[in-house]
C-alpha atoms as a PDB file:
ATOM      1  CA  MET A   1     -17.778  -7.302   4.294  1.00  0.00           C
ATOM      2  CA  SER A   2     -16.565  -4.819   1.979  1.00  0.00           C
ATOM      3  CA  LEU A   3     -14.044  -2.121   2.673  1.00  0.00           C
ATOM      4  CA  GLU A   4     -16.511   0.783   2.768  1.00  0.00           C
ATOM      5  CA  ALA A   5     -18.679  -1.068   5.344  1.00  0.00           C
ATOM      6  CA  ASN A   6     -15.698  -2.302   7.292  1.00  0.00           C
ATOM      7  CA  ILE A   7     -14.313   1.426   7.381  1.00  0.00           C
ATOM      8  CA  MET A   8     -17.647   2.443   8.614  1.00  0.00           C
ATOM      9  CA  THR A   9     -17.718   0.191  11.539  1.00  0.00           C
ATOM     10  CA  HIS A  10     -14.278   1.207  12.452  1.00  0.00           C
ATOM     11  CA  MET A  11     -14.971   4.734  12.331  1.00  0.00           C
ATOM     12  CA  LYS A  12     -18.087   4.176  14.707  1.00  0.00           C
ATOM     13  CA  GLU A  13     -15.867   2.409  16.952  1.00  0.00           C
ATOM     14  CA  ALA A  14     -12.760   5.334  16.889  1.00  0.00           C
ATOM     15  CA  MET A  15     -15.521   8.118  17.694  1.00  0.00           C
ATOM     16  CA  LYS A  16     -16.717   5.764  20.614  1.00  0.00           C
ATOM     17  CA  ALA A  17     -13.030   5.667  21.889  1.00  0.00           C
ATOM     18  CA  LYS A  18     -12.452   9.043  21.084  1.00  0.00           C
ATOM     19  CA  ASP A  19      -9.260   7.897  19.026  1.00  0.00           C
ATOM     20  CA  SER A  20      -8.548  11.169  16.718  1.00  0.00           C
ATOM     21  CA  VAL A  21      -5.633   9.584  14.729  1.00  0.00           C
ATOM     22  CA  ALA A  22      -7.485   6.501  14.026  1.00  0.00           C
ATOM     23  CA  LEU A  23     -10.586   8.390  13.262  1.00  0.00           C
ATOM     24  CA  GLU A  24      -8.484  10.656  10.935  1.00  0.00           C
ATOM     25  CA  ALA A  25      -7.068   7.953   9.161  1.00  0.00           C
ATOM     26  CA  LEU A  26     -10.263   6.118   8.876  1.00  0.00           C
ATOM     27  CA  ARG A  27     -11.930   9.481   7.193  1.00  0.00           C
ATOM     28  CA  ALA A  28      -9.112   9.727   4.890  1.00  0.00           C
ATOM     29  CA  ILE A  29      -9.756   6.076   3.639  1.00  0.00           C
ATOM     30  CA  LYS A  30     -13.301   6.872   3.538  1.00  0.00           C
ATOM     31  CA  ALA A  31     -12.682   9.791   1.199  1.00  0.00           C
ATOM     32  CA  ALA A  32     -10.563   8.216  -1.230  1.00  0.00           C
ATOM     33  CA  ILE A  33     -13.166   5.711  -1.785  1.00  0.00           C
ATOM     34  CA  ILE A  34     -15.663   8.408  -2.618  1.00  0.00           C
ATOM     35  CA  MET A  35     -13.159   9.893  -4.698  1.00  0.00           C
ATOM     36  CA  SER A  36     -12.487   6.888  -6.829  1.00  0.00           C
ATOM     37  CA  LYS A  37     -16.195   6.018  -7.051  1.00  0.00           C
ATOM     38  CA  THR A  38     -16.884   9.370  -8.471  1.00  0.00           C
ATOM     39  CA  GLU A  39     -13.577   9.449 -10.794  1.00  0.00           C
ATOM     40  CA  ALA A  40     -14.299   6.290 -12.477  1.00  0.00           C
ATOM     41  CA  GLY A  41     -17.921   7.163 -12.707  1.00  0.00           C
ATOM     42  CA  ALA A  42     -18.914   3.427 -11.689  1.00  0.00           C
ATOM     43  CA  SER A  43     -21.988   2.892 -10.091  1.00  0.00           C
ATOM     44  CA  GLU A  44     -20.770  -0.316  -8.539  1.00  0.00           C
ATOM     45  CA  GLY A  45     -17.964  -0.500  -5.651  1.00  0.00           C
ATOM     46  CA  LEU A  46     -14.353  -0.738  -6.394  1.00  0.00           C
ATOM     47  CA  THR A  47     -12.508  -3.923  -6.932  1.00  0.00           C
ATOM     48  CA  GLU A  48     -10.394  -5.578  -4.427  1.00  0.00           C
ATOM     49  CA  ASP A  49      -7.335  -4.919  -6.385  1.00  0.00           C
ATOM     50  CA  GLN A  50      -8.616  -0.991  -6.586  1.00  0.00           C
ATOM     51  CA  GLU A  51      -8.923  -1.099  -2.961  1.00  0.00           C
ATOM     52  CA  VAL A  52      -5.516  -2.329  -2.223  1.00  0.00           C
ATOM     53  CA  LYS A  53      -3.758   0.117  -4.628  1.00  0.00           C
ATOM     54  CA  MET A  54      -5.785   3.098  -3.101  1.00  0.00           C
ATOM     55  CA  LEU A  55      -4.731   1.773   0.618  1.00  0.00           C
ATOM     56  CA  GLN A  56      -1.155   1.601  -0.575  1.00  0.00           C
ATOM     57  CA  ARG A  57      -1.057   4.803  -1.995  1.00  0.00           C
ATOM     58  CA  LEU A  58      -2.444   6.164   1.020  1.00  0.00           C
ATOM     59  CA  VAL A  59       0.371   4.738   3.158  1.00  0.00           C
ATOM     60  CA  LYS A  60       3.026   5.643   0.948  1.00  0.00           C
ATOM     61  CA  MET A  61       1.750   9.287   1.158  1.00  0.00           C
ATOM     62  CA  ARG A  62       2.022   9.228   5.017  1.00  0.00           C
ATOM     63  CA  LYS A  63       5.524   7.608   5.044  1.00  0.00           C
ATOM     64  CA  ASP A  64       6.781  10.402   2.740  1.00  0.00           C
ATOM     65  CA  SER A  65       5.416  12.867   5.013  1.00  0.00           C
ATOM     66  CA  ALA A  66       6.930  11.389   8.072  1.00  0.00           C
ATOM     67  CA  THR A  67      10.105  11.076   6.367  1.00  0.00           C
ATOM     68  CA  ILE A  68      10.216  14.678   5.596  1.00  0.00           C
ATOM     69  CA  PHE A  69       8.936  15.843   9.108  1.00  0.00           C
ATOM     70  CA  THR A  70      11.685  13.523  10.584  1.00  0.00           C
ATOM     71  CA  GLU A  71      14.360  14.770   8.337  1.00  0.00           C
ATOM     72  CA  GLN A  72      13.204  18.257   9.686  1.00  0.00           C
ATOM     73  CA  ASN A  73      13.406  17.119  13.509  1.00  0.00           C
ATOM     74  CA  ARG A  74       9.308  17.756  13.591  1.00  0.00           C
ATOM     75  CA  MET A  75       8.509  14.562  15.573  1.00  0.00           C
ATOM     76  CA  ASP A  76       5.552  16.058  16.726  1.00  0.00           C
ATOM     77  CA  LEU A  77       3.973  15.965  12.844  1.00  0.00           C
ATOM     78  CA  ALA A  78       5.526  12.774  12.247  1.00  0.00           C
ATOM     79  CA  GLU A  79       4.116  10.680  14.994  1.00  0.00           C
ATOM     80  CA  PRO A  80       0.670  11.340  13.926  1.00  0.00           C
ATOM     81  CA  GLU A  81       1.451  10.176  10.250  1.00  0.00           C
ATOM     82  CA  LEU A  82       3.197   6.764  11.606  1.00  0.00           C
ATOM     83  CA  ALA A  83      -0.190   6.266  13.741  1.00  0.00           C
ATOM     84  CA  GLN A  84      -2.257   6.641  10.971  1.00  0.00           C
ATOM     85  CA  ILE A  85      -0.024   4.177   8.618  1.00  0.00           C
ATOM     86  CA  ALA A  86      -0.642   1.703  11.138  1.00  0.00           C
ATOM     87  CA  VAL A  87      -4.377   1.965  11.071  1.00  0.00           C
ATOM     88  CA  ILE A  88      -4.340   2.271   7.512  1.00  0.00           C
ATOM     89  CA  GLU A  89      -2.290  -1.352   7.130  1.00  0.00           C
ATOM     90  CA  GLN A  90      -4.757  -3.053   8.968  1.00  0.00           C
ATOM     91  CA  PHE A  91      -6.945  -2.980   6.140  1.00  0.00           C
ATOM     92  CA  LEU A  92      -4.064  -4.221   3.571  1.00  0.00           C
ATOM     93  CA  PRO A  93      -3.254  -7.807   2.931  1.00  0.00           C
ATOM     94  CA  ALA A  94      -0.145  -9.328   4.977  1.00  0.00           C
ATOM     95  CA  GLN A  95       3.014  -7.921   3.701  1.00  0.00           C
ATOM     96  CA  LEU A  96       5.932 -10.411   2.268  1.00  0.00           C
ATOM     97  CA  SER A  97       9.023 -10.105   3.758  1.00  0.00           C
ATOM     98  CA  GLU A  98      11.999  -8.951   1.294  1.00  0.00           C
ATOM     99  CA  ASP A  99      13.327 -12.867   1.360  1.00  0.00           C
ATOM    100  CA  GLU A 100       9.827 -13.904   0.256  1.00  0.00           C
ATOM    101  CA  VAL A 101       9.836 -11.571  -2.682  1.00  0.00           C
ATOM    102  CA  GLU A 102      13.219 -12.524  -3.785  1.00  0.00           C
ATOM    103  CA  VAL A 103      12.232 -16.297  -4.149  1.00  0.00           C
ATOM    104  CA  ILE A 104       9.467 -15.188  -5.827  1.00  0.00           C
ATOM    105  CA  ILE A 105      11.133 -12.779  -8.186  1.00  0.00           C
ATOM    106  CA  ALA A 106      13.853 -15.582  -8.690  1.00  0.00           C
ATOM    107  CA  LYS A 107      11.527 -17.922  -9.815  1.00  0.00           C
ATOM    108  CA  ILE A 108       9.909 -15.665 -12.487  1.00  0.00           C
ATOM    109  CA  ILE A 109      13.364 -14.969 -13.728  1.00  0.00           C
ATOM    110  CA  SER A 110      14.283 -18.468 -14.014  1.00  0.00           C
ATOM    111  CA  GLU A 111      10.968 -19.130 -15.931  1.00  0.00           C
ATOM    112  CA  THR A 112      11.025 -16.049 -18.326  1.00  0.00           C
ATOM    113  CA  GLY A 113      14.936 -16.678 -18.676  1.00  0.00           C
ATOM    114  CA  ALA A 114      15.403 -12.869 -18.361  1.00  0.00           C
ATOM    115  CA  SER A 115      18.712 -11.583 -17.916  1.00  0.00           C
ATOM    116  CA  GLY A 116      20.225  -8.172 -17.554  1.00  0.00           C
ATOM    117  CA  ILE A 117      18.827  -4.894 -16.581  1.00  0.00           C
ATOM    118  CA  ALA A 118      17.071  -4.651 -20.238  1.00  0.00           C
ATOM    119  CA  SER A 119      14.444  -7.156 -18.953  1.00  0.00           C
ATOM    120  CA  MET A 120      13.697  -5.338 -15.810  1.00  0.00           C
ATOM    121  CA  GLY A 121      10.595  -4.076 -17.398  1.00  0.00           C
ATOM    122  CA  LYS A 122       9.149  -7.476 -18.275  1.00  0.00           C
ATOM    123  CA  VAL A 123      10.097  -9.177 -14.881  1.00  0.00           C
ATOM    124  CA  MET A 124       8.613  -5.985 -13.039  1.00  0.00           C
ATOM    125  CA  GLY A 125       5.156  -6.574 -14.720  1.00  0.00           C
ATOM    126  CA  LEU A 126       5.117 -10.199 -13.859  1.00  0.00           C
ATOM    127  CA  ALA A 127       6.394  -9.727 -10.375  1.00  0.00           C
ATOM    128  CA  SER A 128       3.683  -6.969  -9.454  1.00  0.00           C
ATOM    129  CA  ALA A 129       0.935  -8.890 -11.241  1.00  0.00           C
ATOM    130  CA  GLN A 130       1.644 -12.088  -9.012  1.00  0.00           C
ATOM    131  CA  ILE A 131       2.815 -10.073  -5.766  1.00  0.00           C
ATOM    132  CA  GLY A 132      -0.109  -7.531  -5.902  1.00  0.00           C
ATOM    133  CA  GLY A 133      -0.755  -6.002  -2.831  1.00  0.00           C
ATOM    134  CA  GLN A 134       1.678  -7.963  -0.753  1.00  0.00           C
ATOM    135  CA  ALA A 135       4.823  -5.659  -1.179  1.00  0.00           C
ATOM    136  CA  GLU A 136       5.648  -2.390  -2.072  1.00  0.00           C
ATOM    137  CA  GLY A 137       6.630  -1.607  -5.583  1.00  0.00           C
ATOM    138  CA  LYS A 138      10.008  -0.063  -4.219  1.00  0.00           C
ATOM    139  CA  THR A 139      10.725  -3.383  -2.713  1.00  0.00           C
ATOM    140  CA  ILE A 140      10.145  -5.368  -5.724  1.00  0.00           C
ATOM    141  CA  SER A 141      12.077  -3.225  -7.841  1.00  0.00           C
ATOM    142  CA  GLY A 142      14.977  -3.160  -5.428  1.00  0.00           C
ATOM    143  CA  VAL A 143      14.871  -7.037  -5.663  1.00  0.00           C
ATOM    144  CA  VAL A 144      14.420  -7.008  -9.013  1.00  0.00           C
ATOM    145  CA  LYS A 145      17.607  -4.790  -9.628  1.00  0.00           C
ATOM    146  CA  LYS A 146      19.796  -6.884  -7.397  1.00  0.00           C
ATOM    147  CA  LEU A 147      18.642 -10.320  -9.117  1.00  0.00           C
ATOM    148  CA  LEU A 148      19.087  -8.918 -12.788  1.00  0.00           C
ATOM    149  CA  VAL A 149      22.403  -7.387 -12.414  1.00  0.00           C
END
């Protein structure tokens, strides 16, 4: 089942359950899918990789908002953002732990013979391609810096 069809099914369930937070998150995903389709001008659907990147972008936006709201002691605004993150993350592939990411990056570094911070771009490119949507870029970047320094 495509992501769009899956979202529609979950939207119907959220409407029946009168779950406004889930419905808001699902509508945001649907809007992002529609925007992505019209941006690219593609008549066909999005690739799985594009869908994962779009979902990660939506999660990142909400995490950033929740962080700002929490810093300003506005928990009334932060809680819905955090609840929406949980809804969106249902559609993302399982995330790797930092230890798992570290093992994969250490393997990439040993295979490429990278050393020093100057090799960070090369390692980041390979790691991002291999890990894909299973870890945030921020996590990957932090582990790469830690292992190359």
